[in-house]
N, C-alpha and C. Protein backbone atom coordinates (compact mmCIF):
# COMPACT_ATOMS: atom_id res chain seq x y z
N TRP A 1 21.37 -42.49 49.59
CA TRP A 1 21.28 -43.81 48.99
C TRP A 1 21.58 -43.73 47.50
N THR A 2 20.98 -42.77 46.83
CA THR A 2 21.22 -42.59 45.39
C THR A 2 22.68 -42.27 45.12
N ARG A 3 23.24 -41.38 45.93
CA ARG A 3 24.65 -41.01 45.76
C ARG A 3 25.55 -42.25 45.90
N GLU A 4 25.29 -43.06 46.91
CA GLU A 4 26.11 -44.26 47.14
C GLU A 4 26.03 -45.22 45.96
N LEU A 5 24.81 -45.45 45.46
CA LEU A 5 24.62 -46.39 44.36
C LEU A 5 25.29 -45.90 43.08
N LEU A 6 25.17 -44.60 42.81
CA LEU A 6 25.82 -44.06 41.62
C LEU A 6 27.33 -44.21 41.71
N ALA A 7 27.88 -43.88 42.86
CA ALA A 7 29.33 -43.98 43.04
C ALA A 7 29.80 -45.42 42.91
N GLN A 8 29.04 -46.35 43.45
CA GLN A 8 29.40 -47.77 43.36
C GLN A 8 29.44 -48.25 41.92
N ASN A 9 28.65 -47.60 41.06
CA ASN A 9 28.60 -48.00 39.65
C ASN A 9 29.45 -47.11 38.75
N GLY A 10 30.39 -46.37 39.36
CA GLY A 10 31.36 -45.62 38.58
C GLY A 10 30.90 -44.29 38.03
N VAL A 11 29.79 -43.77 38.55
CA VAL A 11 29.30 -42.47 38.07
C VAL A 11 29.93 -41.35 38.90
N ASP A 12 30.43 -40.32 38.23
CA ASP A 12 31.00 -39.17 38.91
C ASP A 12 29.86 -38.37 39.56
N VAL A 13 29.87 -38.28 40.87
CA VAL A 13 28.79 -37.59 41.59
C VAL A 13 29.21 -36.21 42.09
N THR A 14 30.29 -35.68 41.53
CA THR A 14 30.78 -34.37 41.97
C THR A 14 29.69 -33.31 41.90
N TYR A 15 28.92 -33.35 40.84
CA TYR A 15 27.92 -32.29 40.64
C TYR A 15 26.50 -32.74 40.94
N LEU A 16 26.36 -33.84 41.66
CA LEU A 16 25.03 -34.27 42.08
C LEU A 16 24.45 -33.23 43.02
N ARG A 17 23.29 -32.72 42.73
CA ARG A 17 22.65 -31.68 43.54
C ARG A 17 21.66 -32.31 44.51
N GLU A 18 21.79 -31.93 45.77
CA GLU A 18 20.83 -32.37 46.79
C GLU A 18 20.01 -31.15 47.23
N ARG A 19 18.69 -31.29 47.20
CA ARG A 19 17.81 -30.18 47.55
C ARG A 19 16.86 -30.61 48.66
N SER A 20 16.52 -29.66 49.51
CA SER A 20 15.59 -29.95 50.61
C SER A 20 14.17 -30.02 50.07
N GLY A 21 13.39 -30.93 50.62
CA GLY A 21 12.00 -31.05 50.20
C GLY A 21 11.62 -32.49 49.92
N ILE A 22 10.52 -32.67 49.23
CA ILE A 22 9.99 -33.99 48.95
C ILE A 22 10.75 -34.65 47.80
N THR A 23 11.20 -35.88 48.02
CA THR A 23 11.86 -36.63 46.97
C THR A 23 10.84 -36.98 45.89
N ALA A 24 11.23 -36.82 44.64
CA ALA A 24 10.34 -37.21 43.54
C ALA A 24 10.00 -38.69 43.67
N TYR A 25 8.75 -39.03 43.43
CA TYR A 25 8.36 -40.43 43.53
C TYR A 25 7.21 -40.73 42.59
N THR A 26 7.06 -41.99 42.28
CA THR A 26 5.99 -42.46 41.40
C THR A 26 5.36 -43.71 41.99
N ASP A 27 4.04 -43.73 42.08
CA ASP A 27 3.32 -44.93 42.45
C ASP A 27 3.08 -45.73 41.18
N ILE A 28 3.62 -46.94 41.13
CA ILE A 28 3.55 -47.75 39.91
C ILE A 28 2.82 -49.05 40.19
N GLU A 29 1.83 -49.32 39.38
CA GLU A 29 1.15 -50.61 39.43
C GLU A 29 1.73 -51.50 38.34
N VAL A 30 2.11 -52.72 38.70
CA VAL A 30 2.69 -53.64 37.73
C VAL A 30 1.66 -54.71 37.38
N LEU A 31 1.31 -54.80 36.09
CA LEU A 31 0.33 -55.77 35.63
C LEU A 31 0.94 -57.18 35.59
N PRO A 32 0.13 -58.20 35.52
CA PRO A 32 0.66 -59.57 35.44
C PRO A 32 1.64 -59.77 34.29
N SER A 33 1.47 -58.99 33.21
CA SER A 33 2.36 -59.09 32.06
C SER A 33 3.73 -58.47 32.33
N GLY A 34 3.85 -57.73 33.45
CA GLY A 34 5.09 -57.03 33.75
C GLY A 34 5.05 -55.58 33.31
N GLU A 35 4.03 -55.21 32.52
CA GLU A 35 3.89 -53.82 32.07
C GLU A 35 3.52 -52.95 33.26
N ARG A 36 4.04 -51.72 33.28
CA ARG A 36 3.78 -50.83 34.40
C ARG A 36 2.73 -49.78 34.05
N VAL A 37 2.00 -49.34 35.04
CA VAL A 37 1.01 -48.29 34.89
C VAL A 37 1.31 -47.23 35.94
N PHE A 38 1.51 -45.98 35.52
CA PHE A 38 1.76 -44.91 36.47
C PHE A 38 0.45 -44.48 37.11
N ALA A 39 0.31 -44.79 38.41
CA ALA A 39 -0.91 -44.42 39.12
C ALA A 39 -0.85 -42.97 39.61
N TYR A 40 0.36 -42.54 40.01
CA TYR A 40 0.52 -41.16 40.50
C TYR A 40 2.00 -40.80 40.42
N GLU A 41 2.26 -39.54 40.10
CA GLU A 41 3.66 -39.11 39.98
C GLU A 41 3.82 -37.70 40.55
N ASP A 42 4.85 -37.52 41.36
CA ASP A 42 5.15 -36.22 41.95
C ASP A 42 6.65 -35.97 41.77
N PHE A 43 7.01 -34.92 41.05
CA PHE A 43 8.42 -34.66 40.77
C PHE A 43 9.15 -33.96 41.92
N GLY A 44 8.41 -33.64 42.98
CA GLY A 44 9.05 -33.13 44.19
C GLY A 44 10.05 -32.02 43.94
N VAL A 45 11.24 -32.15 44.57
CA VAL A 45 12.24 -31.10 44.46
C VAL A 45 12.90 -31.03 43.08
N CYS A 46 12.59 -31.99 42.20
CA CYS A 46 13.09 -31.88 40.82
C CYS A 46 12.43 -30.70 40.11
N ALA A 47 11.19 -30.40 40.49
CA ALA A 47 10.48 -29.28 39.90
C ALA A 47 11.22 -27.98 40.23
N GLY A 48 11.46 -27.21 39.22
CA GLY A 48 12.13 -25.93 39.42
C GLY A 48 13.65 -26.02 39.46
N TYR A 49 14.21 -27.22 39.31
CA TYR A 49 15.68 -27.35 39.32
C TYR A 49 16.28 -26.63 38.11
N ARG A 50 17.36 -25.89 38.37
CA ARG A 50 18.11 -25.23 37.31
C ARG A 50 19.60 -25.37 37.62
N PRO A 51 20.43 -25.85 36.69
CA PRO A 51 21.88 -25.87 36.95
C PRO A 51 22.40 -24.45 37.05
N ASP A 52 23.36 -24.23 37.97
CA ASP A 52 23.90 -22.88 38.10
C ASP A 52 24.99 -22.65 37.05
N GLU A 53 25.59 -21.48 37.06
CA GLU A 53 26.56 -21.12 36.02
C GLU A 53 27.76 -22.06 36.01
N ALA A 54 28.22 -22.46 37.19
CA ALA A 54 29.38 -23.35 37.26
C ALA A 54 29.04 -24.72 36.67
N GLU A 55 27.84 -25.19 36.95
CA GLU A 55 27.42 -26.49 36.44
C GLU A 55 27.22 -26.45 34.93
N ILE A 56 26.67 -25.35 34.44
CA ILE A 56 26.50 -25.20 32.99
C ILE A 56 27.85 -25.16 32.29
N ALA A 57 28.83 -24.52 32.94
CA ALA A 57 30.18 -24.46 32.36
C ALA A 57 30.76 -25.87 32.21
N VAL A 58 30.49 -26.73 33.19
CA VAL A 58 30.95 -28.12 33.11
C VAL A 58 30.21 -28.86 32.00
N LEU A 59 28.91 -28.67 31.91
CA LEU A 59 28.12 -29.33 30.88
C LEU A 59 28.60 -28.94 29.48
N LYS A 60 29.08 -27.74 29.34
CA LYS A 60 29.56 -27.28 28.03
C LYS A 60 30.85 -27.98 27.60
N THR A 61 31.50 -28.67 28.52
CA THR A 61 32.73 -29.40 28.17
C THR A 61 32.44 -30.84 27.75
N MET A 62 31.18 -31.26 27.84
CA MET A 62 30.82 -32.64 27.56
C MET A 62 30.68 -32.90 26.06
N ASP A 63 30.97 -34.14 25.66
CA ASP A 63 30.76 -34.54 24.27
C ASP A 63 29.27 -34.59 23.96
N HIS A 64 28.49 -35.01 24.94
CA HIS A 64 27.04 -35.12 24.74
C HIS A 64 26.34 -34.98 26.08
N VAL A 65 25.19 -34.34 26.07
CA VAL A 65 24.39 -34.18 27.28
C VAL A 65 22.98 -34.67 26.99
N HIS A 66 22.47 -35.56 27.85
CA HIS A 66 21.09 -36.02 27.72
C HIS A 66 20.25 -35.41 28.83
N ILE A 67 19.08 -34.89 28.46
CA ILE A 67 18.17 -34.26 29.41
C ILE A 67 16.92 -35.12 29.53
N GLY A 68 16.52 -35.40 30.76
CA GLY A 68 15.28 -36.12 30.98
C GLY A 68 14.17 -35.12 31.25
N TRP A 69 13.54 -35.23 32.41
CA TRP A 69 12.45 -34.32 32.75
C TRP A 69 13.01 -33.00 33.29
N MET A 70 12.62 -31.91 32.67
CA MET A 70 12.95 -30.57 33.18
C MET A 70 11.80 -29.64 32.85
N ASP A 71 11.53 -28.72 33.76
CA ASP A 71 10.44 -27.77 33.55
C ASP A 71 10.98 -26.35 33.36
N ASP A 72 12.07 -26.26 32.56
CA ASP A 72 12.71 -24.95 32.36
C ASP A 72 12.33 -24.30 31.04
N GLY A 73 11.32 -24.85 30.37
CA GLY A 73 10.90 -24.27 29.09
C GLY A 73 11.92 -24.42 27.98
N GLY A 74 12.89 -25.30 28.18
CA GLY A 74 13.89 -25.53 27.15
C GLY A 74 15.14 -24.68 27.27
N ASP A 75 15.29 -23.93 28.37
CA ASP A 75 16.44 -23.03 28.52
C ASP A 75 17.78 -23.78 28.46
N LEU A 76 17.91 -24.87 29.20
CA LEU A 76 19.18 -25.60 29.22
C LEU A 76 19.48 -26.18 27.85
N ARG A 77 18.49 -26.76 27.22
CA ARG A 77 18.66 -27.32 25.88
C ARG A 77 19.19 -26.28 24.91
N ARG A 78 18.58 -25.10 24.91
CA ARG A 78 19.00 -24.05 23.97
C ARG A 78 20.37 -23.49 24.32
N THR A 79 20.65 -23.37 25.61
CA THR A 79 21.95 -22.83 26.05
C THR A 79 23.09 -23.74 25.61
N LEU A 80 22.93 -25.04 25.83
CA LEU A 80 23.98 -25.98 25.46
C LEU A 80 24.12 -26.09 23.95
N ALA A 81 23.01 -26.12 23.25
CA ALA A 81 23.07 -26.20 21.79
C ALA A 81 23.78 -24.97 21.20
N ALA A 82 23.51 -23.79 21.78
CA ALA A 82 24.14 -22.57 21.30
C ALA A 82 25.65 -22.61 21.52
N ALA A 83 26.08 -23.40 22.51
CA ALA A 83 27.51 -23.53 22.80
C ALA A 83 28.15 -24.65 21.98
N GLY A 84 27.37 -25.27 21.11
CA GLY A 84 27.91 -26.32 20.25
C GLY A 84 27.92 -27.71 20.86
N VAL A 85 27.20 -27.88 21.98
CA VAL A 85 27.15 -29.18 22.64
C VAL A 85 26.06 -30.05 21.99
N SER A 86 26.36 -31.31 21.75
CA SER A 86 25.37 -32.25 21.26
C SER A 86 24.42 -32.58 22.40
N VAL A 87 23.11 -32.39 22.17
CA VAL A 87 22.11 -32.56 23.23
C VAL A 87 20.99 -33.48 22.74
N SER A 88 20.57 -34.37 23.63
CA SER A 88 19.38 -35.18 23.36
C SER A 88 18.42 -35.02 24.51
N GLN A 89 17.15 -35.34 24.25
CA GLN A 89 16.15 -35.25 25.31
C GLN A 89 15.03 -36.24 25.03
N ASP A 90 14.49 -36.79 26.12
CA ASP A 90 13.32 -37.64 26.03
C ASP A 90 12.11 -36.73 26.17
N ILE A 91 11.45 -36.44 25.06
CA ILE A 91 10.36 -35.47 25.11
C ILE A 91 9.05 -36.09 25.60
N SER A 92 9.02 -37.40 25.79
CA SER A 92 7.79 -38.06 26.21
C SER A 92 7.54 -37.96 27.70
N VAL A 93 8.53 -37.52 28.48
CA VAL A 93 8.35 -37.49 29.93
C VAL A 93 7.82 -36.14 30.41
N ASN A 94 7.70 -35.17 29.53
CA ASN A 94 7.18 -33.86 29.91
C ASN A 94 5.73 -33.74 29.46
N ALA A 95 4.86 -33.38 30.38
CA ALA A 95 3.45 -33.24 30.04
C ALA A 95 3.09 -31.81 29.64
N ASP A 96 3.86 -30.84 30.13
CA ASP A 96 3.57 -29.43 29.86
C ASP A 96 4.08 -29.05 28.47
N PRO A 97 3.23 -28.56 27.58
CA PRO A 97 3.65 -28.18 26.23
C PRO A 97 4.81 -27.18 26.22
N ALA A 98 4.93 -26.39 27.28
CA ALA A 98 6.00 -25.39 27.34
C ALA A 98 7.37 -26.05 27.40
N ASN A 99 7.42 -27.31 27.81
CA ASN A 99 8.70 -27.99 27.96
C ASN A 99 8.94 -29.05 26.89
N LEU A 100 8.14 -29.03 25.83
CA LEU A 100 8.20 -30.08 24.82
C LEU A 100 8.92 -29.67 23.54
N GLY A 101 9.55 -28.52 23.51
CA GLY A 101 10.22 -28.07 22.29
C GLY A 101 11.40 -28.95 21.91
N THR A 102 11.79 -28.88 20.65
CA THR A 102 12.90 -29.69 20.16
C THR A 102 14.02 -28.85 19.56
N ASN A 103 13.85 -27.54 19.54
CA ASN A 103 14.86 -26.68 18.95
C ASN A 103 16.21 -26.84 19.64
N GLY A 104 17.25 -27.16 18.87
CA GLY A 104 18.59 -27.32 19.43
C GLY A 104 18.97 -28.76 19.71
N LEU A 105 18.01 -29.67 19.66
CA LEU A 105 18.33 -31.06 19.95
C LEU A 105 19.06 -31.72 18.78
N ALA A 106 20.09 -32.48 19.10
CA ALA A 106 20.76 -33.30 18.09
C ALA A 106 20.02 -34.62 17.91
N ILE A 107 19.45 -35.11 19.01
CA ILE A 107 18.67 -36.35 18.99
C ILE A 107 17.43 -36.15 19.87
N ALA A 108 16.27 -36.52 19.33
CA ALA A 108 15.04 -36.47 20.12
C ALA A 108 14.53 -37.89 20.29
N PHE A 109 14.23 -38.26 21.54
CA PHE A 109 13.65 -39.56 21.84
C PHE A 109 12.18 -39.36 22.20
N ALA A 110 11.34 -40.27 21.74
CA ALA A 110 9.92 -40.20 22.05
C ALA A 110 9.36 -41.62 22.14
N SER A 111 8.20 -41.74 22.75
CA SER A 111 7.53 -43.03 22.88
C SER A 111 6.15 -42.93 22.27
N ALA A 112 5.79 -43.94 21.47
CA ALA A 112 4.49 -43.91 20.81
C ALA A 112 3.66 -45.15 21.11
N GLY A 113 4.08 -45.97 22.06
CA GLY A 113 3.34 -47.19 22.32
C GLY A 113 3.51 -48.17 21.17
N SER A 114 2.61 -49.13 21.07
CA SER A 114 2.76 -50.19 20.07
C SER A 114 2.01 -49.92 18.79
N ASP A 115 1.47 -48.73 18.62
CA ASP A 115 0.73 -48.36 17.40
C ASP A 115 1.72 -47.94 16.31
N ASP A 116 1.84 -48.75 15.26
CA ASP A 116 2.80 -48.45 14.19
C ASP A 116 2.54 -47.11 13.54
N GLY A 117 1.26 -46.81 13.30
CA GLY A 117 0.93 -45.55 12.65
C GLY A 117 1.33 -44.36 13.50
N ALA A 118 1.10 -44.45 14.81
CA ALA A 118 1.46 -43.36 15.71
C ALA A 118 2.97 -43.18 15.77
N ALA A 119 3.71 -44.29 15.75
CA ALA A 119 5.17 -44.22 15.80
C ALA A 119 5.73 -43.55 14.55
N ASP A 120 5.22 -43.94 13.39
CA ASP A 120 5.67 -43.34 12.14
C ASP A 120 5.34 -41.85 12.11
N ALA A 121 4.15 -41.50 12.58
CA ALA A 121 3.73 -40.10 12.60
C ALA A 121 4.61 -39.29 13.54
N GLN A 122 4.96 -39.87 14.68
CA GLN A 122 5.83 -39.19 15.64
C GLN A 122 7.21 -38.96 15.05
N LEU A 123 7.73 -39.99 14.38
CA LEU A 123 9.05 -39.88 13.76
C LEU A 123 9.05 -38.77 12.71
N GLU A 124 8.05 -38.75 11.86
CA GLU A 124 7.98 -37.73 10.81
C GLU A 124 7.79 -36.34 11.38
N ARG A 125 7.02 -36.24 12.46
CA ARG A 125 6.81 -34.93 13.08
C ARG A 125 8.11 -34.37 13.63
N LEU A 126 8.88 -35.21 14.31
CA LEU A 126 10.14 -34.75 14.90
C LEU A 126 11.13 -34.34 13.80
N LEU A 127 11.22 -35.15 12.75
CA LEU A 127 12.12 -34.79 11.64
C LEU A 127 11.63 -33.52 10.95
N GLY A 128 10.31 -33.38 10.84
CA GLY A 128 9.75 -32.18 10.23
C GLY A 128 10.02 -30.94 11.05
N ASP A 129 10.18 -31.11 12.36
CA ASP A 129 10.49 -29.99 13.25
C ASP A 129 11.96 -29.58 13.16
N GLY A 130 12.74 -30.36 12.39
CA GLY A 130 14.14 -30.01 12.22
C GLY A 130 15.12 -30.78 13.07
N VAL A 131 14.64 -31.81 13.80
CA VAL A 131 15.55 -32.62 14.60
C VAL A 131 16.40 -33.49 13.65
N PRO A 132 17.72 -33.45 13.77
CA PRO A 132 18.58 -34.22 12.85
C PRO A 132 18.39 -35.73 12.97
N LEU A 133 18.13 -36.22 14.19
CA LEU A 133 17.98 -37.65 14.41
C LEU A 133 16.84 -37.88 15.39
N ALA A 134 15.87 -38.68 14.99
CA ALA A 134 14.71 -38.95 15.84
C ALA A 134 14.61 -40.44 16.12
N VAL A 135 14.32 -40.78 17.38
CA VAL A 135 14.19 -42.18 17.80
C VAL A 135 12.85 -42.33 18.51
N VAL A 136 12.07 -43.31 18.08
CA VAL A 136 10.76 -43.53 18.68
C VAL A 136 10.65 -44.98 19.13
N THR A 137 10.32 -45.19 20.39
CA THR A 137 10.11 -46.54 20.90
C THR A 137 8.64 -46.91 20.76
N ARG A 138 8.38 -48.23 20.58
CA ARG A 138 7.03 -48.70 20.30
C ARG A 138 6.61 -49.84 21.23
N GLY A 139 7.12 -49.85 22.44
CA GLY A 139 6.75 -50.91 23.38
C GLY A 139 7.11 -52.28 22.85
N SER A 140 6.14 -53.16 22.78
CA SER A 140 6.39 -54.53 22.33
C SER A 140 6.70 -54.63 20.84
N LYS A 141 6.53 -53.52 20.11
CA LYS A 141 6.83 -53.52 18.68
C LYS A 141 8.27 -53.11 18.39
N GLY A 142 9.04 -52.73 19.41
CA GLY A 142 10.43 -52.35 19.17
C GLY A 142 10.63 -50.86 19.02
N SER A 143 11.46 -50.45 18.08
CA SER A 143 11.83 -49.03 17.96
C SER A 143 12.13 -48.64 16.52
N LEU A 144 12.10 -47.32 16.29
CA LEU A 144 12.39 -46.73 14.98
C LEU A 144 13.44 -45.65 15.13
N VAL A 145 14.23 -45.43 14.10
CA VAL A 145 15.15 -44.29 14.07
C VAL A 145 15.20 -43.76 12.65
N GLY A 146 15.29 -42.45 12.52
CA GLY A 146 15.37 -41.84 11.20
C GLY A 146 16.15 -40.55 11.25
N ASP A 147 16.82 -40.23 10.14
CA ASP A 147 17.57 -38.98 10.05
C ASP A 147 17.13 -38.14 8.86
N GLY A 148 15.98 -38.44 8.30
CA GLY A 148 15.49 -37.71 7.15
C GLY A 148 15.90 -38.33 5.83
N THR A 149 16.91 -39.17 5.87
CA THR A 149 17.36 -39.89 4.68
C THR A 149 17.17 -41.40 4.85
N ASP A 150 17.69 -41.91 5.94
CA ASP A 150 17.57 -43.33 6.24
C ASP A 150 16.60 -43.56 7.40
N ARG A 151 15.95 -44.70 7.35
CA ARG A 151 15.02 -45.10 8.41
C ARG A 151 15.27 -46.57 8.72
N PHE A 152 15.41 -46.88 10.00
CA PHE A 152 15.65 -48.25 10.42
C PHE A 152 14.71 -48.59 11.57
N GLU A 153 14.43 -49.86 11.72
CA GLU A 153 13.64 -50.30 12.85
C GLU A 153 14.21 -51.58 13.44
N ALA A 154 13.90 -51.82 14.69
CA ALA A 154 14.36 -53.02 15.38
C ALA A 154 13.22 -53.56 16.23
N GLY A 155 13.18 -54.86 16.36
CA GLY A 155 12.18 -55.48 17.21
C GLY A 155 12.66 -55.51 18.65
N ILE A 156 12.07 -56.38 19.44
CA ILE A 156 12.45 -56.51 20.83
C ILE A 156 13.32 -57.75 21.02
N LYS A 157 13.97 -57.83 22.17
CA LYS A 157 14.71 -59.02 22.55
C LYS A 157 13.84 -59.75 23.58
N PRO A 158 13.31 -60.92 23.23
CA PRO A 158 12.42 -61.63 24.16
C PRO A 158 13.14 -62.01 25.45
N VAL A 159 12.53 -61.67 26.58
CA VAL A 159 13.05 -62.05 27.90
C VAL A 159 11.87 -62.36 28.80
N GLU A 160 12.16 -62.94 29.94
CA GLU A 160 11.12 -63.17 30.95
C GLU A 160 10.91 -61.84 31.68
N VAL A 161 9.82 -61.16 31.36
CA VAL A 161 9.59 -59.82 31.88
C VAL A 161 9.13 -59.88 33.34
N VAL A 162 9.87 -59.17 34.18
CA VAL A 162 9.50 -59.03 35.60
C VAL A 162 8.85 -57.67 35.83
N ASP A 163 9.46 -56.62 35.25
CA ASP A 163 8.99 -55.25 35.47
C ASP A 163 9.60 -54.39 34.37
N THR A 164 8.77 -53.59 33.69
CA THR A 164 9.29 -52.74 32.61
C THR A 164 9.77 -51.37 33.09
N THR A 165 9.71 -51.12 34.40
CA THR A 165 10.17 -49.83 34.92
C THR A 165 11.64 -49.59 34.55
N GLY A 166 11.92 -48.44 33.95
CA GLY A 166 13.29 -48.11 33.57
C GLY A 166 13.70 -48.58 32.20
N ALA A 167 12.82 -49.33 31.52
CA ALA A 167 13.20 -49.86 30.20
C ALA A 167 13.44 -48.74 29.19
N GLY A 168 12.61 -47.72 29.23
CA GLY A 168 12.78 -46.62 28.29
C GLY A 168 14.09 -45.88 28.48
N ASP A 169 14.41 -45.57 29.74
CA ASP A 169 15.67 -44.89 30.04
C ASP A 169 16.86 -45.78 29.69
N SER A 170 16.72 -47.08 29.93
CA SER A 170 17.80 -48.01 29.60
C SER A 170 18.01 -48.08 28.10
N PHE A 171 16.92 -48.06 27.36
CA PHE A 171 17.03 -48.03 25.89
C PHE A 171 17.82 -46.81 25.44
N ILE A 172 17.47 -45.65 25.99
CA ILE A 172 18.15 -44.41 25.61
C ILE A 172 19.63 -44.48 25.94
N ALA A 173 19.95 -45.00 27.14
CA ALA A 173 21.35 -45.10 27.55
C ALA A 173 22.13 -46.01 26.60
N GLY A 174 21.53 -47.16 26.26
CA GLY A 174 22.21 -48.08 25.35
C GLY A 174 22.39 -47.47 23.98
N PHE A 175 21.36 -46.81 23.48
CA PHE A 175 21.43 -46.18 22.16
C PHE A 175 22.51 -45.11 22.13
N LEU A 176 22.51 -44.23 23.15
CA LEU A 176 23.48 -43.12 23.17
C LEU A 176 24.91 -43.62 23.30
N ALA A 177 25.13 -44.63 24.13
CA ALA A 177 26.48 -45.16 24.29
C ALA A 177 27.01 -45.68 22.95
N ALA A 178 26.15 -46.36 22.20
CA ALA A 178 26.55 -46.87 20.90
C ALA A 178 26.74 -45.74 19.90
N ARG A 179 25.87 -44.76 19.94
CA ARG A 179 25.96 -43.62 19.01
C ARG A 179 27.24 -42.84 19.23
N ILE A 180 27.56 -42.56 20.49
CA ILE A 180 28.77 -41.79 20.81
C ILE A 180 30.02 -42.58 20.45
N ALA A 181 29.91 -43.91 20.46
CA ALA A 181 31.04 -44.77 20.08
C ALA A 181 31.19 -44.87 18.56
N GLY A 182 30.27 -44.23 17.82
CA GLY A 182 30.39 -44.20 16.37
C GLY A 182 29.78 -45.38 15.65
N ARG A 183 28.92 -46.14 16.33
CA ARG A 183 28.32 -47.30 15.70
C ARG A 183 27.16 -46.90 14.77
N SER A 184 26.78 -47.79 13.88
CA SER A 184 25.73 -47.51 12.90
C SER A 184 24.38 -47.38 13.60
N LEU A 185 23.41 -46.77 12.92
CA LEU A 185 22.09 -46.60 13.52
C LEU A 185 21.42 -47.94 13.84
N PRO A 186 21.48 -48.94 12.95
CA PRO A 186 20.90 -50.23 13.34
C PRO A 186 21.57 -50.81 14.58
N ASP A 187 22.89 -50.64 14.69
CA ASP A 187 23.59 -51.13 15.88
C ASP A 187 23.17 -50.36 17.13
N CYS A 188 22.89 -49.06 16.97
CA CYS A 188 22.45 -48.26 18.11
C CYS A 188 21.08 -48.73 18.60
N LEU A 189 20.18 -49.04 17.66
CA LEU A 189 18.88 -49.57 18.04
C LEU A 189 19.03 -50.91 18.77
N ALA A 190 19.92 -51.74 18.27
CA ALA A 190 20.14 -53.05 18.90
C ALA A 190 20.71 -52.89 20.30
N ALA A 191 21.61 -51.94 20.47
CA ALA A 191 22.20 -51.71 21.80
C ALA A 191 21.14 -51.22 22.77
N GLY A 192 20.27 -50.33 22.32
CA GLY A 192 19.18 -49.86 23.16
C GLY A 192 18.22 -50.98 23.50
N ARG A 193 17.88 -51.78 22.48
CA ARG A 193 16.99 -52.92 22.68
C ARG A 193 17.52 -53.88 23.74
N ASP A 194 18.79 -54.22 23.63
CA ASP A 194 19.38 -55.19 24.56
C ASP A 194 19.45 -54.65 25.98
N GLN A 195 19.75 -53.36 26.11
CA GLN A 195 19.83 -52.77 27.45
C GLN A 195 18.44 -52.71 28.08
N ALA A 196 17.44 -52.36 27.27
CA ALA A 196 16.07 -52.32 27.79
C ALA A 196 15.60 -53.70 28.21
N ALA A 197 15.94 -54.71 27.41
CA ALA A 197 15.54 -56.08 27.72
C ALA A 197 16.13 -56.52 29.06
N SER A 198 17.40 -56.18 29.28
CA SER A 198 18.04 -56.54 30.54
C SER A 198 17.33 -55.92 31.73
N THR A 199 16.92 -54.67 31.58
CA THR A 199 16.24 -53.97 32.67
C THR A 199 14.90 -54.60 32.99
N CYS A 200 14.24 -55.19 32.00
CA CYS A 200 12.93 -55.81 32.22
C CYS A 200 13.00 -57.09 33.04
N THR A 201 14.20 -57.59 33.31
CA THR A 201 14.33 -58.88 33.99
C THR A 201 14.41 -58.78 35.51
N HIS A 202 14.33 -57.56 36.05
CA HIS A 202 14.38 -57.40 37.51
C HIS A 202 13.41 -56.31 37.94
N VAL A 203 13.11 -56.28 39.21
CA VAL A 203 12.20 -55.27 39.75
C VAL A 203 12.90 -53.92 39.82
N GLY A 204 12.20 -52.87 39.41
CA GLY A 204 12.76 -51.53 39.50
C GLY A 204 13.64 -51.18 38.32
N GLY A 205 14.11 -49.93 38.30
CA GLY A 205 14.88 -49.44 37.17
C GLY A 205 16.30 -49.95 37.10
N PHE A 206 16.82 -50.47 38.21
CA PHE A 206 18.19 -51.00 38.21
C PHE A 206 18.29 -52.05 39.31
N PRO A 207 19.21 -53.02 39.18
CA PRO A 207 19.33 -54.05 40.22
C PRO A 207 19.71 -53.44 41.56
N GLN A 208 19.01 -53.83 42.59
CA GLN A 208 19.29 -53.27 43.91
C GLN A 208 18.76 -54.18 45.00
N GLU A 209 19.34 -54.03 46.17
CA GLU A 209 18.88 -54.79 47.33
C GLU A 209 17.91 -53.91 48.13
N ALA A 210 16.84 -54.55 48.61
CA ALA A 210 15.88 -53.82 49.44
C ALA A 210 16.55 -53.34 50.70
N ARG A 211 16.21 -52.10 51.10
CA ARG A 211 16.76 -51.55 52.33
C ARG A 211 15.69 -51.47 53.40
N PRO A 212 16.06 -51.68 54.67
CA PRO A 212 15.05 -51.54 55.76
C PRO A 212 14.61 -50.09 55.88
N LEU A 213 13.36 -49.87 56.20
CA LEU A 213 12.85 -48.52 56.36
C LEU A 213 13.33 -47.92 57.66
């Protein structure tokens, strides 16, 4: 199902890996406000995934590689960075400290909720760790970006919220697409904001039709 949907949306699935075992899943409770609460999460066969040598060789040809959840202790991040590949990662999705490093990242994404003080502290911590560009989302307060010299922030785009599932990933996708296209940092924040807002208007992380069990 995932392969079909990706292909329908123009994503190259040549290197999509299928593994035997339990599919990663999350039990999500959606509040009346549309905000989601993770009740339970199991990463299933995603745990322990490692790209093989052929796949890493392909990744090294990319202009940019974004990493989500991985439990490899940062091996892929460091390998690609050493090869000169621009790499970003969402460090907020990893709970294990062993997988939270930022060494080698060109862009680090993090989430701090709606607490302004926590967001500023997170931004400064990432920049202090040597990350060239840090982006912090703040829920209903919008987002921040900084490169050690300039700092910009953006609010949210008001929409009728149905479900916030996937909003963070959509923000990252919008931001990265704008960044790779050479747009300014404020424009990148706006692109992420708009993509996240769109995702909040439907159930689930992307528009889809329910399938019979």
